[in-house]
Amino acid sequence: MNKKMLIGSLALSLGLVSAGSGALAASPAVGIEGVRTVAVSAPGKEGPATINNLTEKSIIPLMVHAKAIYAYASRGGSEFNPELFNYNTVEYRYLSSDLGSKQQLMNYIKRAYTHNAAAFYLQTQFLEYNGRMAQPNVDLGNTLDYSRATARMVSKTAQTAVFELSVPPVGTTGVNENVVVKLKKVSGYWRIDVSPATVF
């Protein structure tokens, strides 16, 4: 058995990839306290974050996962040639079919965010038009590398937490940015309790 097959089999047995996907986990999940898996089967198909013991180490994979969800939604999903239209003098693009309805988009965002954070994000960043979800046809987001962030716990209870992250820019130069993140436990797992547009 060659090395690639061995690594793939190991990742599959550990639950880091879904059967048939072949893509490795979005972030290192093994050996970090409180992390079961934060797996990504394909762009936009992130598995739900399953962090139930939030620490200064385990919040980093959750933030990487949350940014991947935000990035996919903020670029409109999987469409490379989106369907465009104008509304109130603003150019909009429809989201891809996997995020095309309000419920689909909500369910997707809630993989890393609370219901309230997801609802606020949809209300402020998207438009439901002719029964489909759309967004302004612009590029959004920042160039911070959350995989290299460090975290400091500000406060934590059984159901809520606040962390301050020092996040370096992508690449080797630049100044770290401080980001404050509020979290809440939902059905046993931690979710970010602020809009993705606020954090990223």
N, C-alpha and C. Protein backbone atom coordinates (compact mmCIF):
# COMPACT_ATOMS: atom_id res chain seq x y z
N MET A 1 0.86 -1.19 0.00
CA MET A 1 0.00 0.00 0.00
C MET A 1 0.90 1.24 0.00
N ASN A 2 0.67 2.17 -0.94
CA ASN A 2 1.54 3.35 -0.97
C ASN A 2 1.16 4.34 0.12
N LYS A 3 2.01 5.36 0.31
CA LYS A 3 1.83 6.31 1.41
C LYS A 3 0.50 7.07 1.30
N LYS A 4 0.14 7.52 0.07
CA LYS A 4 -1.10 8.28 -0.09
C LYS A 4 -2.31 7.46 0.33
N MET A 5 -2.34 6.19 -0.09
CA MET A 5 -3.47 5.34 0.27
C MET A 5 -3.50 5.10 1.77
N LEU A 6 -2.33 4.92 2.38
CA LEU A 6 -2.26 4.69 3.81
C LEU A 6 -2.76 5.90 4.58
N ILE A 7 -2.31 7.10 4.17
CA ILE A 7 -2.76 8.33 4.83
C ILE A 7 -4.26 8.52 4.64
N GLY A 8 -4.73 8.28 3.41
CA GLY A 8 -6.17 8.41 3.12
C GLY A 8 -7.00 7.45 3.95
N SER A 9 -6.53 6.21 4.08
CA SER A 9 -7.25 5.21 4.88
C SER A 9 -7.27 5.60 6.35
N LEU A 10 -6.14 6.11 6.84
CA LEU A 10 -6.06 6.55 8.22
C LEU A 10 -7.00 7.71 8.47
N ALA A 11 -7.00 8.70 7.56
CA ALA A 11 -7.89 9.86 7.71
C ALA A 11 -9.35 9.44 7.68
N LEU A 12 -9.68 8.49 6.80
CA LEU A 12 -11.06 8.02 6.71
C LEU A 12 -11.47 7.31 7.99
N SER A 13 -10.57 6.48 8.52
CA SER A 13 -10.91 5.73 9.73
C SER A 13 -11.04 6.65 10.94
N LEU A 14 -10.30 7.76 10.93
CA LEU A 14 -10.40 8.73 12.03
C LEU A 14 -11.57 9.67 11.87
N GLY A 15 -12.25 9.60 10.74
CA GLY A 15 -13.40 10.48 10.51
C GLY A 15 -13.02 11.85 10.01
N LEU A 16 -11.79 12.01 9.49
CA LEU A 16 -11.36 13.32 9.02
C LEU A 16 -11.85 13.62 7.62
N VAL A 17 -12.26 12.60 6.89
CA VAL A 17 -12.85 12.82 5.57
C VAL A 17 -14.09 11.97 5.45
N SER A 18 -14.98 12.37 4.57
CA SER A 18 -16.14 11.53 4.32
C SER A 18 -15.76 10.52 3.25
N ALA A 19 -16.40 9.37 3.27
CA ALA A 19 -16.10 8.35 2.27
C ALA A 19 -16.40 8.91 0.89
N GLY A 20 -15.45 8.83 0.01
CA GLY A 20 -15.67 9.31 -1.35
C GLY A 20 -15.25 10.74 -1.57
N SER A 21 -14.76 11.44 -0.58
CA SER A 21 -14.39 12.85 -0.80
C SER A 21 -12.92 13.00 -1.16
N GLY A 22 -12.05 12.41 -0.36
CA GLY A 22 -10.63 12.50 -0.64
C GLY A 22 -9.97 13.77 -0.13
N ALA A 23 -10.72 14.72 0.39
CA ALA A 23 -10.11 15.96 0.89
C ALA A 23 -9.84 15.80 2.37
N LEU A 24 -8.68 16.22 2.80
CA LEU A 24 -8.33 16.09 4.21
C LEU A 24 -9.01 17.17 5.02
N ALA A 25 -8.90 17.06 6.33
CA ALA A 25 -9.56 18.01 7.22
C ALA A 25 -9.07 19.42 6.98
N ALA A 26 -9.94 20.39 7.29
CA ALA A 26 -9.62 21.80 7.07
C ALA A 26 -8.54 22.26 8.02
N SER A 27 -8.43 21.63 9.15
CA SER A 27 -7.44 22.04 10.13
C SER A 27 -7.06 20.82 10.95
N PRO A 28 -5.92 20.88 11.62
CA PRO A 28 -5.52 19.72 12.39
C PRO A 28 -6.50 19.47 13.52
N ALA A 29 -7.13 18.31 13.51
CA ALA A 29 -8.14 18.02 14.52
C ALA A 29 -7.65 17.01 15.54
N VAL A 30 -6.67 16.21 15.18
CA VAL A 30 -6.19 15.18 16.08
C VAL A 30 -5.21 15.78 17.08
N GLY A 31 -5.37 15.46 18.34
CA GLY A 31 -4.43 15.91 19.35
C GLY A 31 -4.76 17.26 19.95
N ILE A 32 -5.83 17.89 19.52
CA ILE A 32 -6.22 19.15 20.14
C ILE A 32 -7.35 18.84 21.10
N GLU A 33 -7.17 19.23 22.34
CA GLU A 33 -8.14 18.92 23.38
C GLU A 33 -9.51 19.47 23.03
N GLY A 34 -10.53 18.65 23.15
CA GLY A 34 -11.90 19.10 22.95
C GLY A 34 -12.37 19.06 21.51
N VAL A 35 -11.55 18.58 20.61
CA VAL A 35 -11.94 18.56 19.20
C VAL A 35 -12.16 17.11 18.79
N ARG A 36 -13.33 16.83 18.26
CA ARG A 36 -13.56 15.48 17.72
C ARG A 36 -13.16 15.50 16.26
N THR A 37 -13.87 16.27 15.43
CA THR A 37 -13.49 16.46 14.04
C THR A 37 -13.99 17.80 13.57
N VAL A 38 -13.23 18.42 12.68
CA VAL A 38 -13.69 19.60 11.97
C VAL A 38 -13.34 19.29 10.53
N ALA A 39 -14.17 18.49 9.90
CA ALA A 39 -13.84 17.94 8.59
C ALA A 39 -14.46 18.75 7.47
N VAL A 40 -13.77 18.74 6.35
CA VAL A 40 -14.27 19.40 5.15
C VAL A 40 -14.20 18.37 4.03
N SER A 41 -15.34 18.08 3.42
CA SER A 41 -15.33 17.09 2.35
C SER A 41 -15.08 17.73 1.00
N ALA A 42 -15.45 19.00 0.83
CA ALA A 42 -15.23 19.74 -0.41
C ALA A 42 -15.52 21.19 -0.11
N PRO A 43 -15.04 22.13 -0.93
CA PRO A 43 -15.34 23.54 -0.66
C PRO A 43 -16.84 23.74 -0.51
N GLY A 44 -17.23 24.37 0.59
CA GLY A 44 -18.63 24.63 0.81
C GLY A 44 -19.39 23.49 1.44
N LYS A 45 -18.73 22.37 1.70
CA LYS A 45 -19.42 21.21 2.27
C LYS A 45 -18.88 20.90 3.67
N GLU A 46 -18.50 21.93 4.40
CA GLU A 46 -17.92 21.73 5.73
C GLU A 46 -18.87 20.97 6.64
N GLY A 47 -18.33 19.97 7.33
CA GLY A 47 -19.12 19.26 8.31
C GLY A 47 -19.34 20.16 9.52
N PRO A 48 -20.36 19.88 10.31
CA PRO A 48 -20.62 20.74 11.46
C PRO A 48 -19.47 20.70 12.46
N ALA A 49 -19.16 21.84 13.02
CA ALA A 49 -18.11 21.89 14.04
C ALA A 49 -18.59 21.11 15.25
N THR A 50 -17.75 20.26 15.78
CA THR A 50 -18.15 19.41 16.91
C THR A 50 -17.25 19.65 18.11
N ILE A 51 -16.99 20.90 18.39
CA ILE A 51 -16.16 21.25 19.55
C ILE A 51 -17.08 21.42 20.75
N ASN A 52 -16.92 20.55 21.74
CA ASN A 52 -17.76 20.65 22.92
C ASN A 52 -16.97 21.09 24.16
N ASN A 53 -15.65 21.13 24.06
CA ASN A 53 -14.82 21.60 25.16
C ASN A 53 -13.98 22.75 24.63
N LEU A 54 -14.46 23.96 24.82
CA LEU A 54 -13.83 25.14 24.24
C LEU A 54 -12.63 25.58 25.07
N THR A 55 -11.47 25.64 24.43
CA THR A 55 -10.25 26.08 25.09
C THR A 55 -9.52 27.06 24.17
N GLU A 56 -8.41 27.58 24.66
CA GLU A 56 -7.60 28.50 23.84
C GLU A 56 -6.99 27.79 22.64
N LYS A 57 -6.91 26.47 22.68
CA LYS A 57 -6.42 25.71 21.53
C LYS A 57 -7.56 25.30 20.60
N SER A 58 -8.66 24.81 21.19
CA SER A 58 -9.73 24.26 20.34
C SER A 58 -10.54 25.33 19.62
N ILE A 59 -10.45 26.58 20.04
CA ILE A 59 -11.19 27.64 19.33
C ILE A 59 -10.58 27.90 17.95
N ILE A 60 -9.30 27.62 17.76
CA ILE A 60 -8.65 27.91 16.48
C ILE A 60 -9.25 27.10 15.33
N PRO A 61 -9.40 25.76 15.45
CA PRO A 61 -10.06 25.02 14.36
C PRO A 61 -11.49 25.50 14.11
N LEU A 62 -12.20 25.91 15.17
CA LEU A 62 -13.56 26.42 14.99
C LEU A 62 -13.54 27.71 14.17
N MET A 63 -12.58 28.59 14.42
CA MET A 63 -12.49 29.84 13.68
C MET A 63 -12.11 29.58 12.22
N VAL A 64 -11.22 28.63 11.98
CA VAL A 64 -10.85 28.28 10.60
C VAL A 64 -12.08 27.74 9.86
N HIS A 65 -12.83 26.88 10.52
CA HIS A 65 -14.05 26.31 9.98
C HIS A 65 -15.08 27.42 9.68
N ALA A 66 -15.24 28.34 10.64
CA ALA A 66 -16.22 29.43 10.48
C ALA A 66 -15.83 30.36 9.34
N LYS A 67 -14.54 30.60 9.17
CA LYS A 67 -14.11 31.47 8.06
C LYS A 67 -14.34 30.79 6.72
N ALA A 68 -14.15 29.47 6.65
CA ALA A 68 -14.40 28.75 5.39
C ALA A 68 -15.87 28.84 5.01
N ILE A 69 -16.76 28.74 6.00
CA ILE A 69 -18.19 28.88 5.75
C ILE A 69 -18.51 30.28 5.27
N TYR A 70 -17.96 31.28 5.95
CA TYR A 70 -18.18 32.68 5.55
C TYR A 70 -17.66 32.93 4.14
N ALA A 71 -16.47 32.43 3.83
CA ALA A 71 -15.87 32.67 2.51
C ALA A 71 -16.73 32.07 1.40
N TYR A 72 -17.24 30.88 1.63
CA TYR A 72 -18.07 30.22 0.61
C TYR A 72 -19.37 31.00 0.39
N ALA A 73 -20.01 31.41 1.49
CA ALA A 73 -21.27 32.16 1.37
C ALA A 73 -21.03 33.54 0.77
N SER A 74 -19.93 34.20 1.17
CA SER A 74 -19.71 35.57 0.71
C SER A 74 -19.30 35.65 -0.75
N ARG A 75 -18.86 34.53 -1.33
CA ARG A 75 -18.56 34.56 -2.76
C ARG A 75 -19.74 34.04 -3.58
N GLY A 76 -20.84 33.72 -2.90
CA GLY A 76 -22.06 33.32 -3.61
C GLY A 76 -22.20 31.84 -3.81
N GLY A 77 -21.36 31.04 -3.17
CA GLY A 77 -21.44 29.60 -3.32
C GLY A 77 -20.53 29.11 -4.42
N SER A 78 -21.00 28.13 -5.18
CA SER A 78 -20.13 27.44 -6.13
C SER A 78 -20.19 28.00 -7.55
N GLU A 79 -21.01 29.03 -7.78
CA GLU A 79 -21.16 29.55 -9.14
C GLU A 79 -19.97 30.44 -9.53
N PHE A 80 -19.33 30.12 -10.66
CA PHE A 80 -18.24 30.96 -11.15
C PHE A 80 -18.76 32.02 -12.11
N ASN A 81 -19.91 31.77 -12.73
CA ASN A 81 -20.56 32.75 -13.60
C ASN A 81 -21.97 32.98 -13.07
N PRO A 82 -22.09 33.75 -11.98
CA PRO A 82 -23.40 33.89 -11.33
C PRO A 82 -24.38 34.67 -12.20
N GLU A 83 -25.65 34.43 -11.94
CA GLU A 83 -26.73 35.15 -12.62
C GLU A 83 -26.88 36.51 -11.95
N LEU A 84 -26.71 37.59 -12.70
CA LEU A 84 -26.72 38.95 -12.16
C LEU A 84 -28.03 39.65 -12.45
N PHE A 85 -28.37 40.61 -11.58
CA PHE A 85 -29.52 41.48 -11.82
C PHE A 85 -29.32 42.77 -11.03
N ASN A 86 -30.07 43.81 -11.38
CA ASN A 86 -29.99 45.09 -10.67
C ASN A 86 -31.23 45.30 -9.83
N TYR A 87 -31.03 45.80 -8.62
CA TYR A 87 -32.13 46.10 -7.71
C TYR A 87 -31.78 47.37 -6.96
N ASN A 88 -32.62 48.40 -7.07
CA ASN A 88 -32.34 49.70 -6.43
C ASN A 88 -30.94 50.21 -6.76
N THR A 89 -30.59 50.17 -8.01
CA THR A 89 -29.31 50.65 -8.57
C THR A 89 -28.08 49.87 -8.09
N VAL A 90 -28.28 48.74 -7.45
CA VAL A 90 -27.16 47.91 -6.99
C VAL A 90 -27.17 46.62 -7.80
N GLU A 91 -25.97 46.18 -8.24
CA GLU A 91 -25.87 44.91 -8.95
C GLU A 91 -25.79 43.77 -7.94
N TYR A 92 -26.67 42.79 -8.10
CA TYR A 92 -26.72 41.62 -7.23
C TYR A 92 -26.39 40.37 -8.03
N ARG A 93 -25.99 39.32 -7.31
CA ARG A 93 -25.82 38.00 -7.91
C ARG A 93 -26.62 37.00 -7.09
N TYR A 94 -27.27 36.08 -7.80
CA TYR A 94 -27.95 34.99 -7.10
C TYR A 94 -26.92 34.02 -6.55
N LEU A 95 -27.23 33.42 -5.41
CA LEU A 95 -26.36 32.41 -4.83
C LEU A 95 -26.53 31.09 -5.58
N SER A 96 -25.53 30.23 -5.48
CA SER A 96 -25.60 28.92 -6.14
C SER A 96 -26.76 28.10 -5.55
N SER A 97 -27.17 27.07 -6.25
CA SER A 97 -28.37 26.32 -5.90
C SER A 97 -28.28 25.67 -4.52
N ASP A 98 -27.07 25.33 -4.05
CA ASP A 98 -26.96 24.71 -2.72
C ASP A 98 -27.22 25.70 -1.59
N LEU A 99 -27.17 27.01 -1.88
CA LEU A 99 -27.48 28.06 -0.90
C LEU A 99 -28.66 28.91 -1.38
N GLY A 100 -29.38 28.42 -2.38
CA GLY A 100 -30.35 29.25 -3.09
C GLY A 100 -31.56 29.71 -2.32
N SER A 101 -32.01 28.94 -1.32
CA SER A 101 -33.17 29.37 -0.54
C SER A 101 -32.71 29.92 0.81
N LYS A 102 -33.60 30.68 1.44
CA LYS A 102 -33.26 31.24 2.75
C LYS A 102 -32.95 30.14 3.75
N GLN A 103 -33.74 29.05 3.73
CA GLN A 103 -33.53 27.96 4.67
C GLN A 103 -32.20 27.25 4.41
N GLN A 104 -31.85 27.04 3.14
CA GLN A 104 -30.57 26.40 2.82
C GLN A 104 -29.41 27.25 3.33
N LEU A 105 -29.49 28.55 3.10
CA LEU A 105 -28.41 29.45 3.53
C LEU A 105 -28.32 29.48 5.05
N MET A 106 -29.48 29.56 5.73
CA MET A 106 -29.48 29.56 7.20
C MET A 106 -28.84 28.29 7.74
N ASN A 107 -29.26 27.14 7.21
CA ASN A 107 -28.73 25.87 7.69
C ASN A 107 -27.22 25.79 7.50
N TYR A 108 -26.74 26.32 6.39
CA TYR A 108 -25.31 26.29 6.11
C TYR A 108 -24.54 27.17 7.09
N ILE A 109 -25.00 28.40 7.30
CA ILE A 109 -24.30 29.32 8.20
C ILE A 109 -24.32 28.79 9.63
N LYS A 110 -25.40 28.13 10.03
CA LYS A 110 -25.52 27.62 11.40
C LYS A 110 -24.60 26.45 11.69
N ARG A 111 -23.82 26.00 10.71
CA ARG A 111 -22.82 24.96 10.98
C ARG A 111 -21.71 25.48 11.88
N ALA A 112 -21.55 26.81 11.96
CA ALA A 112 -20.51 27.38 12.82
C ALA A 112 -21.01 28.55 13.66
N TYR A 113 -22.24 29.04 13.38
CA TYR A 113 -22.76 30.25 14.04
C TYR A 113 -24.09 29.94 14.71
N THR A 114 -24.45 30.75 15.71
CA THR A 114 -25.74 30.58 16.37
C THR A 114 -26.85 31.03 15.42
N HIS A 115 -28.09 30.67 15.78
CA HIS A 115 -29.25 31.07 14.97
C HIS A 115 -29.34 32.59 14.85
N ASN A 116 -29.17 33.30 15.97
CA ASN A 116 -29.27 34.76 15.95
C ASN A 116 -28.19 35.40 15.09
N ALA A 117 -26.97 34.89 15.18
CA ALA A 117 -25.87 35.43 14.37
C ALA A 117 -26.13 35.19 12.90
N ALA A 118 -26.60 33.98 12.56
CA ALA A 118 -26.90 33.65 11.16
C ALA A 118 -28.05 34.50 10.64
N ALA A 119 -29.11 34.68 11.45
CA ALA A 119 -30.26 35.47 11.03
C ALA A 119 -29.87 36.92 10.78
N PHE A 120 -29.03 37.49 11.64
CA PHE A 120 -28.58 38.87 11.46
C PHE A 120 -27.74 39.00 10.19
N TYR A 121 -26.89 38.02 9.96
CA TYR A 121 -26.05 38.00 8.75
C TYR A 121 -26.91 37.98 7.49
N LEU A 122 -27.91 37.11 7.47
CA LEU A 122 -28.79 37.04 6.30
C LEU A 122 -29.56 38.34 6.09
N GLN A 123 -30.04 38.91 7.20
CA GLN A 123 -30.84 40.13 7.12
C GLN A 123 -30.03 41.32 6.61
N THR A 124 -28.76 41.39 6.97
CA THR A 124 -27.95 42.57 6.63
C THR A 124 -27.09 42.42 5.38
N GLN A 125 -26.83 41.18 4.95
CA GLN A 125 -25.89 40.98 3.85
C GLN A 125 -26.51 40.35 2.60
N PHE A 126 -27.77 39.92 2.67
CA PHE A 126 -28.40 39.21 1.56
C PHE A 126 -29.76 39.79 1.25
N LEU A 127 -30.26 39.43 0.08
CA LEU A 127 -31.58 39.87 -0.38
C LEU A 127 -32.33 38.64 -0.88
N GLU A 128 -33.57 38.48 -0.42
CA GLU A 128 -34.42 37.42 -0.97
C GLU A 128 -35.22 38.06 -2.10
N TYR A 129 -35.01 37.58 -3.33
CA TYR A 129 -35.61 38.21 -4.50
C TYR A 129 -36.15 37.13 -5.43
N ASN A 130 -37.43 37.22 -5.74
CA ASN A 130 -38.10 36.21 -6.57
C ASN A 130 -37.92 34.80 -5.99
N GLY A 131 -37.95 34.71 -4.67
CA GLY A 131 -37.86 33.41 -4.02
C GLY A 131 -36.46 32.82 -3.94
N ARG A 132 -35.45 33.59 -4.35
CA ARG A 132 -34.06 33.12 -4.32
C ARG A 132 -33.19 34.09 -3.53
N MET A 133 -32.13 33.57 -2.96
CA MET A 133 -31.21 34.40 -2.19
C MET A 133 -30.16 35.01 -3.12
N ALA A 134 -29.88 36.30 -2.84
CA ALA A 134 -28.90 37.03 -3.64
C ALA A 134 -28.09 37.93 -2.71
N GLN A 135 -26.99 38.45 -3.26
CA GLN A 135 -26.14 39.36 -2.49
C GLN A 135 -25.51 40.37 -3.45
N PRO A 136 -25.08 41.52 -2.93
CA PRO A 136 -24.39 42.48 -3.81
C PRO A 136 -23.20 41.81 -4.48
N ASN A 137 -22.98 42.13 -5.74
CA ASN A 137 -21.92 41.50 -6.53
C ASN A 137 -20.58 42.18 -6.26
N VAL A 138 -20.05 41.96 -5.05
CA VAL A 138 -18.76 42.52 -4.64
C VAL A 138 -17.98 41.43 -3.91
N ASP A 139 -16.67 41.62 -3.81
CA ASP A 139 -15.84 40.70 -3.05
C ASP A 139 -15.73 41.20 -1.62
N LEU A 140 -15.84 40.28 -0.66
CA LEU A 140 -15.80 40.63 0.75
C LEU A 140 -14.72 39.83 1.46
N GLY A 141 -14.44 40.20 2.71
CA GLY A 141 -13.54 39.40 3.53
C GLY A 141 -12.21 40.08 3.77
N ASN A 142 -11.43 39.48 4.64
CA ASN A 142 -10.11 40.03 4.96
C ASN A 142 -9.04 38.99 4.66
N THR A 143 -7.82 39.36 4.86
CA THR A 143 -6.70 38.48 4.53
C THR A 143 -5.98 38.02 5.80
N LEU A 144 -6.75 37.71 6.85
CA LEU A 144 -6.16 37.24 8.08
C LEU A 144 -6.10 35.71 8.07
N ASP A 145 -5.03 35.18 8.65
CA ASP A 145 -4.79 33.74 8.66
C ASP A 145 -5.15 33.18 10.04
N TYR A 146 -6.39 32.72 10.18
CA TYR A 146 -6.86 32.23 11.47
C TYR A 146 -6.20 30.91 11.87
N SER A 147 -5.63 30.19 10.94
CA SER A 147 -4.95 28.94 11.31
C SER A 147 -3.70 29.21 12.14
N ARG A 148 -3.15 30.43 12.06
CA ARG A 148 -1.96 30.77 12.85
C ARG A 148 -2.28 31.72 14.01
N ALA A 149 -3.56 31.87 14.32
CA ALA A 149 -3.96 32.77 15.40
C ALA A 149 -3.62 32.18 16.77
N THR A 150 -3.51 33.06 17.75
CA THR A 150 -3.41 32.64 19.14
C THR A 150 -4.60 33.25 19.88
N ALA A 151 -5.07 32.55 20.90
CA ALA A 151 -6.30 32.97 21.59
C ALA A 151 -6.05 33.15 23.08
N ARG A 152 -6.82 34.08 23.65
CA ARG A 152 -6.81 34.30 25.11
C ARG A 152 -8.26 34.31 25.58
N MET A 153 -8.57 33.46 26.55
CA MET A 153 -9.93 33.42 27.08
C MET A 153 -10.17 34.66 27.94
N VAL A 154 -11.21 35.42 27.61
CA VAL A 154 -11.58 36.60 28.39
C VAL A 154 -12.56 36.20 29.48
N SER A 155 -13.57 35.40 29.11
CA SER A 155 -14.54 34.90 30.08
C SER A 155 -15.18 33.64 29.54
N LYS A 156 -15.69 32.80 30.47
CA LYS A 156 -16.35 31.57 30.04
C LYS A 156 -17.27 31.06 31.14
N THR A 157 -18.50 30.70 30.73
CA THR A 157 -19.43 30.01 31.60
C THR A 157 -19.75 28.67 30.92
N ALA A 158 -20.72 27.96 31.46
CA ALA A 158 -21.09 26.68 30.86
C ALA A 158 -21.71 26.87 29.47
N GLN A 159 -22.32 28.04 29.21
CA GLN A 159 -23.05 28.25 27.96
C GLN A 159 -22.53 29.39 27.09
N THR A 160 -21.69 30.27 27.61
CA THR A 160 -21.19 31.40 26.83
C THR A 160 -19.69 31.57 27.05
N ALA A 161 -19.04 32.22 26.10
CA ALA A 161 -17.60 32.47 26.23
C ALA A 161 -17.23 33.69 25.39
N VAL A 162 -16.14 34.34 25.79
CA VAL A 162 -15.57 35.43 25.02
C VAL A 162 -14.08 35.19 24.92
N PHE A 163 -13.55 35.24 23.69
CA PHE A 163 -12.12 35.06 23.46
C PHE A 163 -11.59 36.26 22.69
N GLU A 164 -10.34 36.59 22.97
CA GLU A 164 -9.64 37.59 22.16
C GLU A 164 -8.56 36.87 21.38
N LEU A 165 -8.58 37.05 20.06
CA LEU A 165 -7.61 36.39 19.19
C LEU A 165 -6.65 37.40 18.62
N SER A 166 -5.40 37.00 18.52
CA SER A 166 -4.38 37.76 17.81
C SER A 166 -4.14 37.02 16.51
N VAL A 167 -4.54 37.66 15.39
CA VAL A 167 -4.56 36.96 14.11
C VAL A 167 -3.56 37.61 13.14
N PRO A 168 -2.59 36.83 12.65
CA PRO A 168 -1.62 37.38 11.70
C PRO A 168 -2.23 37.48 10.30
N PRO A 169 -1.67 38.36 9.47
CA PRO A 169 -2.13 38.41 8.08
C PRO A 169 -1.61 37.20 7.31
N VAL A 170 -2.25 36.91 6.19
CA VAL A 170 -1.75 35.86 5.31
C VAL A 170 -0.38 36.29 4.80
N GLY A 171 0.56 35.38 4.76
CA GLY A 171 1.92 35.71 4.34
C GLY A 171 2.83 35.87 5.53
N THR A 172 3.97 36.48 5.29
CA THR A 172 4.98 36.56 6.34
C THR A 172 5.16 37.95 6.92
N THR A 173 4.55 38.97 6.34
CA THR A 173 4.72 40.32 6.85
C THR A 173 3.38 40.92 7.22
N GLY A 174 3.43 41.91 8.09
CA GLY A 174 2.22 42.59 8.51
C GLY A 174 2.02 42.48 10.00
N VAL A 175 1.07 43.26 10.49
CA VAL A 175 0.81 43.34 11.92
C VAL A 175 -0.41 42.48 12.27
N ASN A 176 -0.31 41.78 13.39
CA ASN A 176 -1.45 40.98 13.87
C ASN A 176 -2.63 41.89 14.19
N GLU A 177 -3.82 41.36 13.97
CA GLU A 177 -5.04 42.11 14.31
C GLU A 177 -5.72 41.41 15.47
N ASN A 178 -6.22 42.20 16.43
CA ASN A 178 -6.96 41.63 17.56
C ASN A 178 -8.43 41.53 17.20
N VAL A 179 -9.01 40.36 17.42
CA VAL A 179 -10.41 40.09 17.10
C VAL A 179 -11.06 39.51 18.35
N VAL A 180 -12.16 40.12 18.78
CA VAL A 180 -12.92 39.61 19.93
C VAL A 180 -14.09 38.79 19.41
N VAL A 181 -14.23 37.56 19.93
CA VAL A 181 -15.26 36.64 19.46
C VAL A 181 -16.12 36.19 20.63
N LYS A 182 -17.44 36.32 20.47
CA LYS A 182 -18.38 35.81 21.47
C LYS A 182 -18.91 34.47 20.96
N LEU A 183 -19.06 33.52 21.88
CA LEU A 183 -19.52 32.19 21.52
C LEU A 183 -20.63 31.74 22.46
N LYS A 184 -21.42 30.79 21.98
CA LYS A 184 -22.52 30.25 22.76
C LYS A 184 -22.63 28.76 22.47
N LYS A 185 -23.01 28.00 23.48
CA LYS A 185 -23.17 26.56 23.29
C LYS A 185 -24.58 26.27 22.76
N VAL A 186 -24.64 25.53 21.66
CA VAL A 186 -25.92 25.18 21.03
C VAL A 186 -25.96 23.67 20.85
N SER A 187 -26.94 23.03 21.48
CA SER A 187 -27.09 21.56 21.40
C SER A 187 -25.79 20.83 21.72
N GLY A 188 -25.06 21.34 22.70
CA GLY A 188 -23.84 20.67 23.15
C GLY A 188 -22.57 21.08 22.45
N TYR A 189 -22.67 21.90 21.39
CA TYR A 189 -21.48 22.30 20.64
C TYR A 189 -21.37 23.82 20.59
N TRP A 190 -20.14 24.31 20.55
CA TRP A 190 -19.90 25.75 20.56
C TRP A 190 -20.11 26.35 19.17
N ARG A 191 -20.78 27.50 19.15
CA ARG A 191 -21.03 28.25 17.92
C ARG A 191 -20.66 29.71 18.15
N ILE A 192 -20.25 30.38 17.11
CA ILE A 192 -19.90 31.80 17.17
C ILE A 192 -21.19 32.60 17.24
N ASP A 193 -21.26 33.55 18.18
CA ASP A 193 -22.50 34.27 18.45
C ASP A 193 -22.46 35.71 17.94
N VAL A 194 -21.68 35.96 16.91
CA VAL A 194 -21.68 37.27 16.22
C VAL A 194 -21.71 36.99 14.72
N SER A 195 -22.22 37.94 13.96
CA SER A 195 -22.34 37.78 12.52
C SER A 195 -20.99 37.51 11.88
N PRO A 196 -20.95 36.62 10.88
CA PRO A 196 -19.69 36.39 10.16
C PRO A 196 -19.10 37.67 9.58
N ALA A 197 -19.95 38.58 9.13
CA ALA A 197 -19.47 39.83 8.55
C ALA A 197 -18.77 40.71 9.59
N THR A 198 -19.11 40.53 10.86
CA THR A 198 -18.49 41.29 11.95
C THR A 198 -17.10 40.72 12.28
N VAL A 199 -17.00 39.39 12.29
CA VAL A 199 -15.75 38.73 12.67
C VAL A 199 -14.73 38.77 11.51
N PHE A 200 -15.21 38.47 10.31
CA PHE A 200 -14.30 38.33 9.18
C PHE A 200 -14.40 39.52 8.25
